[in-house]
Each structure stands twice: as C-alpha cells, then as structure tokens.
Amino acid sequence: MAGREFLSGHDQTALHDRVRQIGTVSQFLDWFDIVRGNQPMA
C-alpha cells in the first residue's frame, strides 16, 4: 500500500462524510466554490 493514503473505498467514505456536514452535493459545491474563490462553470 505504498503511496496510498486510504484503504480501498475509505476515500469515498471520508469525502461523503464531509459533503453531509455541509448538506447536499450541490450545497457542498457552492460552499467549496465560495471558500476557494472559484467561479462556478455554469
């Protein structure tokens, strides 16, 4: 497992746990864009 930070599938679990803390996927993306100063593509 050299070079891997997560066990198989655990990266997705960690990501989805963070999304749930914000709300929906759409809300997470809006929040992320605000925090990072990114402009939405659409």
C-alpha atoms as a PDB file:
ATOM      1  CA  MET A   1       0.000   0.000   0.000  1.00  0.00           C
ATOM      2  CA  ALA A   2       2.918   2.323  -0.523  1.00  0.00           C
ATOM      3  CA  GLY A   3       1.765   5.744  -1.689  1.00  0.00           C
ATOM      4  CA  ARG A   4      -1.874   5.178  -0.729  1.00  0.00           C
ATOM      5  CA  GLU A   5      -3.454   7.360   1.909  1.00  0.00           C
ATOM      6  CA  PHE A   6      -6.677   5.368   2.362  1.00  0.00           C
ATOM      7  CA  LEU A   7      -7.775   1.779   2.404  1.00  0.00           C
ATOM      8  CA  SER A   8      -9.791   0.853  -0.667  1.00  0.00           C
ATOM      9  CA  GLY A   9     -13.101   2.735  -0.641  1.00  0.00           C
ATOM     10  CA  HIS A  10     -12.347   4.720   2.509  1.00  0.00           C
ATOM     11  CA  ASP A  11     -11.535   7.832   0.499  1.00  0.00           C
ATOM     12  CA  GLN A  12     -15.101   7.911  -0.793  1.00  0.00           C
ATOM     13  CA  THR A  13     -16.462   7.412   2.719  1.00  0.00           C
ATOM     14  CA  ALA A  14     -14.376  10.308   4.008  1.00  0.00           C
ATOM     15  CA  LEU A  15     -15.467  12.538   1.129  1.00  0.00           C
ATOM     16  CA  HIS A  16     -19.164  11.756   1.540  1.00  0.00           C
ATOM     17  CA  ASP A  17     -18.930  12.342   5.288  1.00  0.00           C
ATOM     18  CA  ARG A  18     -17.634  15.860   4.582  1.00  0.00           C
ATOM     19  CA  VAL A  19     -20.330  16.544   1.999  1.00  0.00           C
ATOM     20  CA  ARG A  20     -23.001  15.531   4.534  1.00  0.00           C
ATOM     21  CA  GLN A  21     -21.605  18.064   7.013  1.00  0.00           C
ATOM     22  CA  ILE A  22     -22.436  20.839   4.529  1.00  0.00           C
ATOM     23  CA  GLY A  23     -25.716  19.376   3.211  1.00  0.00           C
ATOM     24  CA  THR A  24     -26.377  18.213  -0.333  1.00  0.00           C
ATOM     25  CA  VAL A  25     -23.752  17.742  -3.051  1.00  0.00           C
ATOM     26  CA  SER A  26     -24.979  20.954  -4.685  1.00  0.00           C
ATOM     27  CA  GLN A  27     -24.636  22.854  -1.399  1.00  0.00           C
ATOM     28  CA  PHE A  28     -21.167  21.384  -0.904  1.00  0.00           C
ATOM     29  CA  LEU A  29     -20.068  22.513  -4.368  1.00  0.00           C
ATOM     30  CA  ASP A  30     -21.438  26.026  -3.772  1.00  0.00           C
ATOM     31  CA  TRP A  31     -19.666  26.179  -0.401  1.00  0.00           C
ATOM     32  CA  PHE A  32     -16.416  24.886  -1.885  1.00  0.00           C
ATOM     33  CA  ASP A  33     -16.506  27.473  -4.671  1.00  0.00           C
ATOM     34  CA  ILE A  34     -17.085  30.268  -2.156  1.00  0.00           C
ATOM     35  CA  VAL A  35     -14.296  29.085   0.157  1.00  0.00           C
ATOM     36  CA  ARG A  36     -11.825  28.591  -2.689  1.00  0.00           C
ATOM     37  CA  GLY A  37     -12.854  31.729  -4.552  1.00  0.00           C
ATOM     38  CA  ASN A  38     -13.689  29.692  -7.645  1.00  0.00           C
ATOM     39  CA  GLN A  39     -16.262  30.867 -10.127  1.00  0.00           C
ATOM     40  CA  PRO A  40     -18.891  28.239 -10.998  1.00  0.00           C
ATOM     41  CA  MET A  41     -18.598  26.963 -14.562  1.00  0.00           C
ATOM     42  CA  ALA A  42     -22.310  27.276 -15.326  1.00  0.00           C
END
